[in-house]
Amino acid sequence: MFNWFNNLKIRNKLIIVGLVMISLSLVISFIAFLNQTQMQTIVSKVINVDGRIAQLNLQSQIAMLMARRNEKDYLLRYKQLGFEQARAQYVAQVQTQILAISTYLLMVQ
């Protein structure tokens, strides 16, 4: 079956082996290039989309903590400040933070 290969001169055998090695290297390089392009697309998606979601999540957590802090301050100080003044000072801030949280959650969707 490979009798023709055995009949070749050593120079021709080396040329054939060299060409086979070069062609295999080109195939491997092409596959590596395709994988690199695919990974670059995935990484850019992770950075752009998932990074934005993580940032919105962090902002939502901060807004929730601020709302809880204002609620705590309201409950601790409404007797000292008076109901109306405490309501004007703290409840408006809580409502603002809740609105911010709602906005962030809508942006995530």
PDB file of N, CA and C in Angstrom:
ATOM      1  N   MET A   1       0.816  -1.192   0.000  1.00  0.00           N
ATOM      2  CA  MET A   1       0.000   0.000   0.000  1.00  0.00           C
ATOM      3  C   MET A   1       0.864   1.262   0.000  1.00  0.00           C
ATOM      4  N   PHE A   2       1.851   1.301   0.876  1.00  0.00           N
ATOM      5  CA  PHE A   2       2.755   2.445   0.912  1.00  0.00           C
ATOM      6  C   PHE A   2       4.069   2.124   0.194  1.00  0.00           C
ATOM      7  N   ASN A   3       3.982   1.254  -0.760  1.00  0.00           N
ATOM      8  CA  ASN A   3       5.164   0.862  -1.508  1.00  0.00           C
ATOM      9  C   ASN A   3       5.746   2.036  -2.286  1.00  0.00           C
ATOM     10  N   TRP A   4       4.898   2.897  -2.782  1.00  0.00           N
ATOM     11  CA  TRP A   4       5.371   4.066  -3.532  1.00  0.00           C
ATOM     12  C   TRP A   4       6.207   4.979  -2.633  1.00  0.00           C
ATOM     13  N   PHE A   5       5.851   5.025  -1.315  1.00  0.00           N
ATOM     14  CA  PHE A   5       6.594   5.870  -0.391  1.00  0.00           C
ATOM     15  C   PHE A   5       7.989   5.300  -0.148  1.00  0.00           C
ATOM     16  N   ASN A   6       8.075   3.991  -0.092  1.00  0.00           N
ATOM     17  CA  ASN A   6       9.375   3.342   0.111  1.00  0.00           C
ATOM     18  C   ASN A   6      10.288   3.506  -1.099  1.00  0.00           C
ATOM     19  N   ASN A   7       9.707   3.702  -2.272  1.00  0.00           N
ATOM     20  CA  ASN A   7      10.505   3.847  -3.492  1.00  0.00           C
ATOM     21  C   ASN A   7      11.029   5.266  -3.688  1.00  0.00           C
ATOM     22  N   LEU A   8      10.571   6.219  -2.888  1.00  0.00           N
ATOM     23  CA  LEU A   8      11.016   7.610  -3.036  1.00  0.00           C
ATOM     24  C   LEU A   8      12.421   7.786  -2.492  1.00  0.00           C
ATOM     25  N   LYS A   9      13.085   8.801  -3.026  1.00  0.00           N
ATOM     26  CA  LYS A   9      14.404   9.143  -2.503  1.00  0.00           C
ATOM     27  C   LYS A   9      14.217   9.787  -1.138  1.00  0.00           C
ATOM     28  N   ILE A  10      15.270   9.778  -0.353  1.00  0.00           N
ATOM     29  CA  ILE A  10      15.196  10.331   1.001  1.00  0.00           C
ATOM     30  C   ILE A  10      14.887  11.828   0.978  1.00  0.00           C
ATOM     31  N   ARG A  11      15.362  12.520  -0.068  1.00  0.00           N
ATOM     32  CA  ARG A  11      15.095  13.954  -0.188  1.00  0.00           C
ATOM     33  C   ARG A  11      13.596  14.192  -0.354  1.00  0.00           C
ATOM     34  N   ASN A  12      12.944  13.395  -1.177  1.00  0.00           N
ATOM     35  CA  ASN A  12      11.504  13.541  -1.405  1.00  0.00           C
ATOM     36  C   ASN A  12      10.704  13.162  -0.156  1.00  0.00           C
ATOM     37  N   LYS A  13      11.182  12.139   0.550  1.00  0.00           N
ATOM     38  CA  LYS A  13      10.508  11.757   1.795  1.00  0.00           C
ATOM     39  C   LYS A  13      10.569  12.892   2.810  1.00  0.00           C
ATOM     40  N   LEU A  14      11.733  13.529   2.932  1.00  0.00           N
ATOM     41  CA  LEU A  14      11.881  14.646   3.869  1.00  0.00           C
ATOM     42  C   LEU A  14      11.011  15.833   3.460  1.00  0.00           C
ATOM     43  N   ILE A  15      10.908  16.076   2.175  1.00  0.00           N
ATOM     44  CA  ILE A  15      10.052  17.167   1.697  1.00  0.00           C
ATOM     45  C   ILE A  15       8.591  16.881   2.028  1.00  0.00           C
ATOM     46  N   ILE A  16       8.150  15.655   1.797  1.00  0.00           N
ATOM     47  CA  ILE A  16       6.757  15.280   2.097  1.00  0.00           C
ATOM     48  C   ILE A  16       6.477  15.405   3.592  1.00  0.00           C
ATOM     49  N   VAL A  17       7.386  14.883   4.407  1.00  0.00           N
ATOM     50  CA  VAL A  17       7.206  14.971   5.859  1.00  0.00           C
ATOM     51  C   VAL A  17       7.188  16.436   6.304  1.00  0.00           C
ATOM     52  N   GLY A  18       8.052  17.248   5.729  1.00  0.00           N
ATOM     53  CA  GLY A  18       8.077  18.677   6.061  1.00  0.00           C
ATOM     54  C   GLY A  18       6.778  19.367   5.688  1.00  0.00           C
ATOM     55  N   LEU A  19       6.252  19.056   4.496  1.00  0.00           N
ATOM     56  CA  LEU A  19       4.985  19.652   4.065  1.00  0.00           C
ATOM     57  C   LEU A  19       3.822  19.209   4.957  1.00  0.00           C
ATOM     58  N   VAL A  20       3.835  17.947   5.362  1.00  0.00           N
ATOM     59  CA  VAL A  20       2.790  17.457   6.270  1.00  0.00           C
ATOM     60  C   VAL A  20       2.865  18.187   7.610  1.00  0.00           C
ATOM     61  N   MET A  21       4.065  18.386   8.121  1.00  0.00           N
ATOM     62  CA  MET A  21       4.242  19.090   9.403  1.00  0.00           C
ATOM     63  C   MET A  21       3.777  20.545   9.291  1.00  0.00           C
ATOM     64  N   ILE A  22       4.124  21.191   8.180  1.00  0.00           N
ATOM     65  CA  ILE A  22       3.700  22.584   7.981  1.00  0.00           C
ATOM     66  C   ILE A  22       2.182  22.670   7.877  1.00  0.00           C
ATOM     67  N   SER A  23       1.573  21.742   7.139  1.00  0.00           N
ATOM     68  CA  SER A  23       0.111  21.779   6.993  1.00  0.00           C
ATOM     69  C   SER A  23      -0.581  21.502   8.330  1.00  0.00           C
ATOM     70  N   LEU A  24      -0.050  20.580   9.125  1.00  0.00           N
ATOM     71  CA  LEU A  24      -0.631  20.331  10.449  1.00  0.00           C
ATOM     72  C   LEU A  24      -0.474  21.549  11.356  1.00  0.00           C
ATOM     73  N   SER A  25       0.661  22.214  11.263  1.00  0.00           N
ATOM     74  CA  SER A  25       0.870  23.436  12.053  1.00  0.00           C
ATOM     75  C   SER A  25      -0.121  24.520  11.650  1.00  0.00           C
ATOM     76  N   LEU A  26      -0.389  24.640  10.362  1.00  0.00           N
ATOM     77  CA  LEU A  26      -1.362  25.627   9.894  1.00  0.00           C
ATOM     78  C   LEU A  26      -2.771  25.306  10.389  1.00  0.00           C
ATOM     79  N   VAL A  27      -3.129  24.028  10.381  1.00  0.00           N
ATOM     80  CA  VAL A  27      -4.449  23.626  10.880  1.00  0.00           C
ATOM     81  C   VAL A  27      -4.574  23.941  12.367  1.00  0.00           C
ATOM     82  N   ILE A  28      -3.560  23.621  13.128  1.00  0.00           N
ATOM     83  CA  ILE A  28      -3.580  23.901  14.569  1.00  0.00           C
ATOM     84  C   ILE A  28      -3.631  25.405  14.824  1.00  0.00           C
ATOM     85  N   SER A  29      -2.896  26.175  14.043  1.00  0.00           N
ATOM     86  CA  SER A  29      -2.915  27.635  14.191  1.00  0.00           C
ATOM     87  C   SER A  29      -4.293  28.198  13.873  1.00  0.00           C
ATOM     88  N   PHE A  30      -4.938  27.677  12.849  1.00  0.00           N
ATOM     89  CA  PHE A  30      -6.277  28.133  12.490  1.00  0.00           C
ATOM     90  C   PHE A  30      -7.281  27.817  13.596  1.00  0.00           C
ATOM     91  N   ILE A  31      -7.202  26.629  14.156  1.00  0.00           N
ATOM     92  CA  ILE A  31      -8.096  26.253  15.259  1.00  0.00           C
ATOM     93  C   ILE A  31      -7.845  27.133  16.476  1.00  0.00           C
ATOM     94  N   ALA A  32      -6.599  27.406  16.777  1.00  0.00           N
ATOM     95  CA  ALA A  32      -6.266  28.282  17.905  1.00  0.00           C
ATOM     96  C   ALA A  32      -6.798  29.691  17.675  1.00  0.00           C
ATOM     97  N   PHE A  33      -6.692  30.176  16.445  1.00  0.00           N
ATOM     98  CA  PHE A  33      -7.215  31.507  16.125  1.00  0.00           C
ATOM     99  C   PHE A  33      -8.725  31.565  16.311  1.00  0.00           C
ATOM    100  N   LEU A  34      -9.434  30.532  15.862  1.00  0.00           N
ATOM    101  CA  LEU A  34     -10.890  30.500  16.043  1.00  0.00           C
ATOM    102  C   LEU A  34     -11.264  30.477  17.522  1.00  0.00           C
ATOM    103  N   ASN A  35     -10.556  29.674  18.310  1.00  0.00           N
ATOM    104  CA  ASN A  35     -10.837  29.612  19.741  1.00  0.00           C
ATOM    105  C   ASN A  35     -10.538  30.940  20.426  1.00  0.00           C
ATOM    106  N   GLN A  36      -9.465  31.594  20.017  1.00  0.00           N
ATOM    107  CA  GLN A  36      -9.121  32.886  20.608  1.00  0.00           C
ATOM    108  C   GLN A  36     -10.194  33.925  20.289  1.00  0.00           C
ATOM    109  N   THR A  37     -10.688  33.927  19.069  1.00  0.00           N
ATOM    110  CA  THR A  37     -11.741  34.862  18.685  1.00  0.00           C
ATOM    111  C   THR A  37     -13.012  34.597  19.486  1.00  0.00           C
ATOM    112  N   GLN A  38     -13.348  33.333  19.656  1.00  0.00           N
ATOM    113  CA  GLN A  38     -14.540  32.974  20.422  1.00  0.00           C
ATOM    114  C   GLN A  38     -14.382  33.379  21.886  1.00  0.00           C
ATOM    115  N   MET A  39     -13.233  33.141  22.468  1.00  0.00           N
ATOM    116  CA  MET A  39     -12.998  33.521  23.863  1.00  0.00           C
ATOM    117  C   MET A  39     -13.020  35.035  24.029  1.00  0.00           C
ATOM    118  N   GLN A  40     -12.516  35.757  23.061  1.00  0.00           N
ATOM    119  CA  GLN A  40     -12.531  37.214  23.117  1.00  0.00           C
ATOM    120  C   GLN A  40     -13.971  37.726  23.115  1.00  0.00           C
ATOM    121  N   THR A  41     -14.833  37.112  22.330  1.00  0.00           N
ATOM    122  CA  THR A  41     -16.244  37.489  22.302  1.00  0.00           C
ATOM    123  C   THR A  41     -16.903  37.204  23.643  1.00  0.00           C
ATOM    124  N   ILE A  42     -16.614  36.055  24.217  1.00  0.00           N
ATOM    125  CA  ILE A  42     -17.204  35.689  25.506  1.00  0.00           C
ATOM    126  C   ILE A  42     -16.729  36.626  26.603  1.00  0.00           C
ATOM    127  N   VAL A  43     -15.451  36.934  26.622  1.00  0.00           N
ATOM    128  CA  VAL A  43     -14.908  37.821  27.660  1.00  0.00           C
ATOM    129  C   VAL A  43     -15.489  39.221  27.537  1.00  0.00           C
ATOM    130  N   SER A  44     -15.616  39.722  26.323  1.00  0.00           N
ATOM    131  CA  SER A  44     -16.194  41.058  26.160  1.00  0.00           C
ATOM    132  C   SER A  44     -17.652  41.076  26.595  1.00  0.00           C
ATOM    133  N   LYS A  45     -18.383  39.986  26.362  1.00  0.00           N
ATOM    134  CA  LYS A  45     -19.773  39.902  26.826  1.00  0.00           C
ATOM    135  C   LYS A  45     -19.817  39.896  28.344  1.00  0.00           C
ATOM    136  N   VAL A  46     -18.936  39.138  28.953  1.00  0.00           N
ATOM    137  CA  VAL A  46     -18.902  39.080  30.416  1.00  0.00           C
ATOM    138  C   VAL A  46     -18.586  40.450  30.997  1.00  0.00           C
ATOM    139  N   ILE A  47     -17.627  41.128  30.409  1.00  0.00           N
ATOM    140  CA  ILE A  47     -17.238  42.442  30.930  1.00  0.00           C
ATOM    141  C   ILE A  47     -18.345  43.462  30.714  1.00  0.00           C
ATOM    142  N   ASN A  48     -18.927  43.486  29.525  1.00  0.00           N
ATOM    143  CA  ASN A  48     -19.921  44.506  29.208  1.00  0.00           C
ATOM    144  C   ASN A  48     -21.272  44.238  29.850  1.00  0.00           C
ATOM    145  N   VAL A  49     -21.771  43.024  29.750  1.00  0.00           N
ATOM    146  CA  VAL A  49     -23.116  42.720  30.233  1.00  0.00           C
ATOM    147  C   VAL A  49     -23.094  42.341  31.705  1.00  0.00           C
ATOM    148  N   ASP A  50     -22.316  41.342  32.049  1.00  0.00           N
ATOM    149  CA  ASP A  50     -22.310  40.873  33.427  1.00  0.00           C
ATOM    150  C   ASP A  50     -21.680  41.894  34.367  1.00  0.00           C
ATOM    151  N   GLY A  51     -20.716  42.642  33.878  1.00  0.00           N
ATOM    152  CA  GLY A  51     -20.116  43.698  34.695  1.00  0.00           C
ATOM    153  C   GLY A  51     -21.121  44.784  35.009  1.00  0.00           C
ATOM    154  N   ARG A  52     -21.942  45.128  34.036  1.00  0.00           N
ATOM    155  CA  ARG A  52     -22.991  46.140  34.250  1.00  0.00           C
ATOM    156  C   ARG A  52     -24.023  45.625  35.250  1.00  0.00           C
ATOM    157  N   ILE A  53     -24.393  44.368  35.152  1.00  0.00           N
ATOM    158  CA  ILE A  53     -25.351  43.790  36.098  1.00  0.00           C
ATOM    159  C   ILE A  53     -24.765  43.790  37.502  1.00  0.00           C
ATOM    160  N   ALA A  54     -23.502  43.450  37.635  1.00  0.00           N
ATOM    161  CA  ALA A  54     -22.856  43.460  38.951  1.00  0.00           C
ATOM    162  C   ALA A  54     -22.814  44.871  39.522  1.00  0.00           C
ATOM    163  N   GLN A  55     -22.548  45.851  38.674  1.00  0.00           N
ATOM    164  CA  GLN A  55     -22.516  47.241  39.134  1.00  0.00           C
ATOM    165  C   GLN A  55     -23.904  47.688  39.595  1.00  0.00           C
ATOM    166  N   LEU A  56     -24.940  47.339  38.845  1.00  0.00           N
ATOM    167  CA  LEU A  56     -26.302  47.694  39.252  1.00  0.00           C
ATOM    168  C   LEU A  56     -26.695  46.977  40.536  1.00  0.00           C
ATOM    169  N   ASN A  57     -26.256  45.744  40.686  1.00  0.00           N
ATOM    170  CA  ASN A  57     -26.522  44.998  41.909  1.00  0.00           C
ATOM    171  C   ASN A  57     -25.871  45.682  43.103  1.00  0.00           C
ATOM    172  N   LEU A  58     -24.639  46.109  42.945  1.00  0.00           N
ATOM    173  CA  LEU A  58     -23.940  46.802  44.023  1.00  0.00           C
ATOM    174  C   LEU A  58     -24.634  48.114  44.366  1.00  0.00           C
ATOM    175  N   GLN A  59     -25.049  48.861  43.361  1.00  0.00           N
ATOM    176  CA  GLN A  59     -25.763  50.109  43.618  1.00  0.00           C
ATOM    177  C   GLN A  59     -27.088  49.848  44.324  1.00  0.00           C
ATOM    178  N   SER A  60     -27.767  48.757  43.979  1.00  0.00           N
ATOM    179  CA  SER A  60     -29.018  48.394  44.658  1.00  0.00           C
ATOM    180  C   SER A  60     -28.762  48.067  46.123  1.00  0.00           C
ATOM    181  N   GLN A  61     -27.694  47.345  46.393  1.00  0.00           N
ATOM    182  CA  GLN A  61     -27.360  47.022  47.780  1.00  0.00           C
ATOM    183  C   GLN A  61     -27.055  48.282  48.578  1.00  0.00           C
ATOM    184  N   ILE A  62     -26.322  49.206  47.981  1.00  0.00           N
ATOM    185  CA  ILE A  62     -26.000  50.457  48.670  1.00  0.00           C
ATOM    186  C   ILE A  62     -27.269  51.249  48.942  1.00  0.00           C
ATOM    187  N   ALA A  63     -28.154  51.325  47.953  1.00  0.00           N
ATOM    188  CA  ALA A  63     -29.413  52.054  48.143  1.00  0.00           C
ATOM    189  C   ALA A  63     -30.260  51.398  49.226  1.00  0.00           C
ATOM    190  N   MET A  64     -30.269  50.066  49.282  1.00  0.00           N
ATOM    191  CA  MET A  64     -31.033  49.362  50.322  1.00  0.00           C
ATOM    192  C   MET A  64     -30.456  49.654  51.699  1.00  0.00           C
ATOM    193  N   LEU A  65     -29.147  49.656  51.814  1.00  0.00           N
ATOM    194  CA  LEU A  65     -28.528  49.979  53.104  1.00  0.00           C
ATOM    195  C   LEU A  65     -28.829  51.411  53.523  1.00  0.00           C
ATOM    196  N   MET A  66     -28.811  52.332  52.577  1.00  0.00           N
ATOM    197  CA  MET A  66     -29.142  53.724  52.895  1.00  0.00           C
ATOM    198  C   MET A  66     -30.600  53.856  53.324  1.00  0.00           C
ATOM    199  N   ALA A  67     -31.500  53.128  52.663  1.00  0.00           N
ATOM    200  CA  ALA A  67     -32.916  53.163  53.047  1.00  0.00           C
ATOM    201  C   ALA A  67     -33.089  52.605  54.457  1.00  0.00           C
ATOM    202  N   ARG A  68     -32.408  51.518  54.757  1.00  0.00           N
ATOM    203  CA  ARG A  68     -32.506  50.947  56.106  1.00  0.00           C
ATOM    204  C   ARG A  68     -31.925  51.896  57.148  1.00  0.00           C
ATOM    205  N   ARG A  69     -30.831  52.569  56.805  1.00  0.00           N
ATOM    206  CA  ARG A  69     -30.227  53.525  57.731  1.00  0.00           C
ATOM    207  C   ARG A  69     -31.194  54.684  58.013  1.00  0.00           C
ATOM    208  N   ASN A  70     -31.822  55.204  56.968  1.00  0.00           N
ATOM    209  CA  ASN A  70     -32.772  56.299  57.157  1.00  0.00           C
ATOM    210  C   ASN A  70     -33.995  55.849  57.951  1.00  0.00           C
ATOM    211  N   GLU A  71     -34.435  54.622  57.730  1.00  0.00           N
ATOM    212  CA  GLU A  71     -35.559  54.086  58.505  1.00  0.00           C
ATOM    213  C   GLU A  71     -35.179  53.971  59.978  1.00  0.00           C
ATOM    214  N   LYS A  72     -33.987  53.483  60.239  1.00  0.00           N
ATOM    215  CA  LYS A  72     -33.504  53.372  61.618  1.00  0.00           C
ATOM    216  C   LYS A  72     -33.429  54.744  62.273  1.00  0.00           C
ATOM    217  N   ASP A  73     -32.862  55.709  61.559  1.00  0.00           N
ATOM    218  CA  ASP A  73     -32.758  57.064  62.100  1.00  0.00           C
ATOM    219  C   ASP A  73     -34.135  57.657  62.372  1.00  0.00           C
ATOM    220  N   TYR A  74     -35.069  57.392  61.496  1.00  0.00           N
ATOM    221  CA  TYR A  74     -36.435  57.881  61.707  1.00  0.00           C
ATOM    222  C   TYR A  74     -37.026  57.290  62.982  1.00  0.00           C
ATOM    223  N   LEU A  75     -36.889  55.976  63.131  1.00  0.00           N
ATOM    224  CA  LEU A  75     -37.469  55.324  64.312  1.00  0.00           C
ATOM    225  C   LEU A  75     -36.784  55.759  65.599  1.00  0.00           C
ATOM    226  N   LEU A  76     -35.508  56.078  65.544  1.00  0.00           N
ATOM    227  CA  LEU A  76     -34.795  56.525  66.740  1.00  0.00           C
ATOM    228  C   LEU A  76     -35.070  57.985  67.087  1.00  0.00           C
ATOM    229  N   ARG A  77     -35.359  58.809  66.104  1.00  0.00           N
ATOM    230  CA  ARG A  77     -35.395  60.252  66.345  1.00  0.00           C
ATOM    231  C   ARG A  77     -36.761  60.909  66.173  1.00  0.00           C
ATOM    232  N   TYR A  78     -37.795  60.177  65.817  1.00  0.00           N
ATOM    233  CA  TYR A  78     -39.064  60.854  65.556  1.00  0.00           C
ATOM    234  C   TYR A  78     -39.674  61.447  66.820  1.00  0.00           C
ATOM    235  N   LYS A  79     -39.354  60.897  67.980  1.00  0.00           N
ATOM    236  CA  LYS A  79     -39.880  61.473  69.226  1.00  0.00           C
ATOM    237  C   LYS A  79     -39.153  62.769  69.572  1.00  0.00           C
ATOM    238  N   GLN A  80     -37.862  62.826  69.296  1.00  0.00           N
ATOM    239  CA  GLN A  80     -37.076  64.024  69.599  1.00  0.00           C
ATOM    240  C   GLN A  80     -37.379  65.159  68.621  1.00  0.00           C
ATOM    241  N   LEU A  81     -37.458  64.832  67.340  1.00  0.00           N
ATOM    242  CA  LEU A  81     -37.645  65.858  66.318  1.00  0.00           C
ATOM    243  C   LEU A  81     -39.105  66.243  66.126  1.00  0.00           C
ATOM    244  N   GLY A  82     -39.979  65.394  66.501  1.00  0.00           N
ATOM    245  CA  GLY A  82     -41.390  65.584  66.188  1.00  0.00           C
ATOM    246  C   GLY A  82     -41.727  64.778  64.947  1.00  0.00           C
ATOM    247  N   PHE A  83     -42.962  64.338  64.907  1.00  0.00           N
ATOM    248  CA  PHE A  83     -43.378  63.420  63.852  1.00  0.00           C
ATOM    249  C   PHE A  83     -43.246  64.051  62.471  1.00  0.00           C
ATOM    250  N   GLU A  84     -43.748  65.258  62.293  1.00  0.00           N
ATOM    251  CA  GLU A  84     -43.745  65.885  60.967  1.00  0.00           C
ATOM    252  C   GLU A  84     -42.332  66.178  60.466  1.00  0.00           C
ATOM    253  N   GLN A  85     -41.498  66.707  61.344  1.00  0.00           N
ATOM    254  CA  GLN A  85     -40.125  67.032  60.929  1.00  0.00           C
ATOM    255  C   GLN A  85     -39.337  65.759  60.618  1.00  0.00           C
ATOM    256  N   ALA A  86     -39.492  64.739  61.447  1.00  0.00           N
ATOM    257  CA  ALA A  86     -38.794  63.470  61.206  1.00  0.00           C
ATOM    258  C   ALA A  86     -39.289  62.825  59.914  1.00  0.00           C
ATOM    259  N   ARG A  87     -40.598  62.906  59.690  1.00  0.00           N
ATOM    260  CA  ARG A  87     -41.161  62.345  58.461  1.00  0.00           C
ATOM    261  C   ARG A  87     -40.595  63.079  57.241  1.00  0.00           C
ATOM    262  N   ALA A  88     -40.550  64.398  57.312  1.00  0.00           N
ATOM    263  CA  ALA A  88     -40.029  65.179  56.187  1.00  0.00           C
ATOM    264  C   ALA A  88     -38.551  64.889  55.954  1.00  0.00           C
ATOM    265  N   GLN A  89     -37.821  64.671  57.023  1.00  0.00           N
ATOM    266  CA  GLN A  89     -36.375  64.494  56.900  1.00  0.00           C
ATOM    267  C   GLN A  89     -35.996  63.086  56.446  1.00  0.00           C
ATOM    268  N   TYR A  90     -36.610  62.063  57.009  1.00  0.00           N
ATOM    269  CA  TYR A  90     -36.157  60.686  56.770  1.00  0.00           C
ATOM    270  C   TYR A  90     -37.009  59.903  55.776  1.00  0.00           C
ATOM    271  N   VAL A  91     -38.309  60.080  55.814  1.00  0.00           N
ATOM    272  CA  VAL A  91     -39.174  59.271  54.948  1.00  0.00           C
ATOM    273  C   VAL A  91     -38.949  59.622  53.478  1.00  0.00           C
ATOM    274  N   ALA A  92     -38.736  60.888  53.191  1.00  0.00           N
ATOM    275  CA  ALA A  92     -38.473  61.277  51.801  1.00  0.00           C
ATOM    276  C   ALA A  92     -37.190  60.622  51.292  1.00  0.00           C
ATOM    277  N   GLN A  93     -36.190  60.527  52.151  1.00  0.00           N
ATOM    278  CA  GLN A  93     -34.942  59.874  51.744  1.00  0.00           C
ATOM    279  C   GLN A  93     -35.151  58.380  51.509  1.00  0.00           C
ATOM    280  N   VAL A  94     -35.965  57.755  52.356  1.00  0.00           N
ATOM    281  CA  VAL A  94     -36.262  56.326  52.173  1.00  0.00           C
ATOM    282  C   VAL A  94     -36.982  56.122  50.846  1.00  0.00           C
ATOM    283  N   GLN A  95     -37.952  56.967  50.559  1.00  0.00           N
ATOM    284  CA  GLN A  95     -38.691  56.833  49.302  1.00  0.00           C
ATOM    285  C   GLN A  95     -37.776  57.048  48.093  1.00  0.00           C
ATOM    286  N   THR A  96     -36.850  57.977  48.212  1.00  0.00           N
ATOM    287  CA  THR A  96     -35.890  58.210  47.128  1.00  0.00           C
ATOM    288  C   THR A  96     -35.017  56.977  46.907  1.00  0.00           C
ATOM    289  N   GLN A  97     -34.560  56.374  47.991  1.00  0.00           N
ATOM    290  CA  GLN A  97     -33.720  55.172  47.871  1.00  0.00           C
ATOM    291  C   GLN A  97     -34.510  54.005  47.280  1.00  0.00           C
ATOM    292  N   ILE A  98     -35.771  53.859  47.683  1.00  0.00           N
ATOM    293  CA  ILE A  98     -36.616  52.777  47.148  1.00  0.00           C
ATOM    294  C   ILE A  98     -36.840  52.996  45.648  1.00  0.00           C
ATOM    295  N   LEU A  99     -37.046  54.229  45.249  1.00  0.00           N
ATOM    296  CA  LEU A  99     -37.204  54.533  43.827  1.00  0.00           C
ATOM    297  C   LEU A  99     -35.921  54.196  43.060  1.00  0.00           C
ATOM    298  N   ALA A 100     -34.777  54.497  43.658  1.00  0.00           N
ATOM    299  CA  ALA A 100     -33.495  54.158  43.021  1.00  0.00           C
ATOM    300  C   ALA A 100     -33.348  52.645  42.882  1.00  0.00           C
ATOM    301  N   ILE A 101     -33.734  51.909  43.912  1.00  0.00           N
ATOM    302  CA  ILE A 101     -33.660  50.439  43.853  1.00  0.00           C
ATOM    303  C   ILE A 101     -34.546  49.913  42.731  1.00  0.00           C
ATOM    304  N   SER A 102     -35.759  50.438  42.631  1.00  0.00           N
ATOM    305  CA  SER A 102     -36.674  50.007  41.562  1.00  0.00           C
ATOM    306  C   SER A 102     -36.079  50.294  40.188  1.00  0.00           C
ATOM    307  N   THR A 103     -35.466  51.454  40.050  1.00  0.00           N
ATOM    308  CA  THR A 103     -34.842  51.815  38.773  1.00  0.00           C
ATOM    309  C   THR A 103     -33.700  50.858  38.436  1.00  0.00           C
ATOM    310  N   TYR A 104     -32.871  50.544  39.420  1.00  0.00           N
ATOM    311  CA  TYR A 104     -31.751  49.627  39.182  1.00  0.00           C
ATOM    312  C   TYR A 104     -32.251  48.241  38.785  1.00  0.00           C
ATOM    313  N   LEU A 105     -33.307  47.775  39.446  1.00  0.00           N
ATOM    314  CA  LEU A 105     -33.835  46.450  39.121  1.00  0.00           C
ATOM    315  C   LEU A 105     -34.439  46.419  37.723  1.00  0.00           C
ATOM    316  N   LEU A 106     -35.071  47.509  37.317  1.00  0.00           N
ATOM    317  CA  LEU A 106     -35.597  47.562  35.951  1.00  0.00           C
ATOM    318  C   LEU A 106     -34.465  47.570  34.925  1.00  0.00           C
ATOM    319  N   MET A 107     -33.366  48.214  35.263  1.00  0.00           N
ATOM    320  CA  MET A 107     -32.219  48.236  34.346  1.00  0.00           C
ATOM    321  C   MET A 107     -31.589  46.852  34.215  1.00  0.00           C
ATOM    322  N   VAL A 108     -31.631  46.070  35.277  1.00  0.00           N
ATOM    323  CA  VAL A 108     -31.063  44.718  35.237  1.00  0.00           C
ATOM    324  C   VAL A 108     -31.869  43.839  34.289  1.00  0.00           C
ATOM    325  N   GLN A 109     -33.176  44.000  34.299  1.00  0.00           N
ATOM    326  CA  GLN A 109     -34.020  43.180  33.427  1.00  0.00           C
ATOM    327  C   GLN A 109     -33.755  43.565  32.007  1.00  0.00           C
TER     328      GLN A 109
END
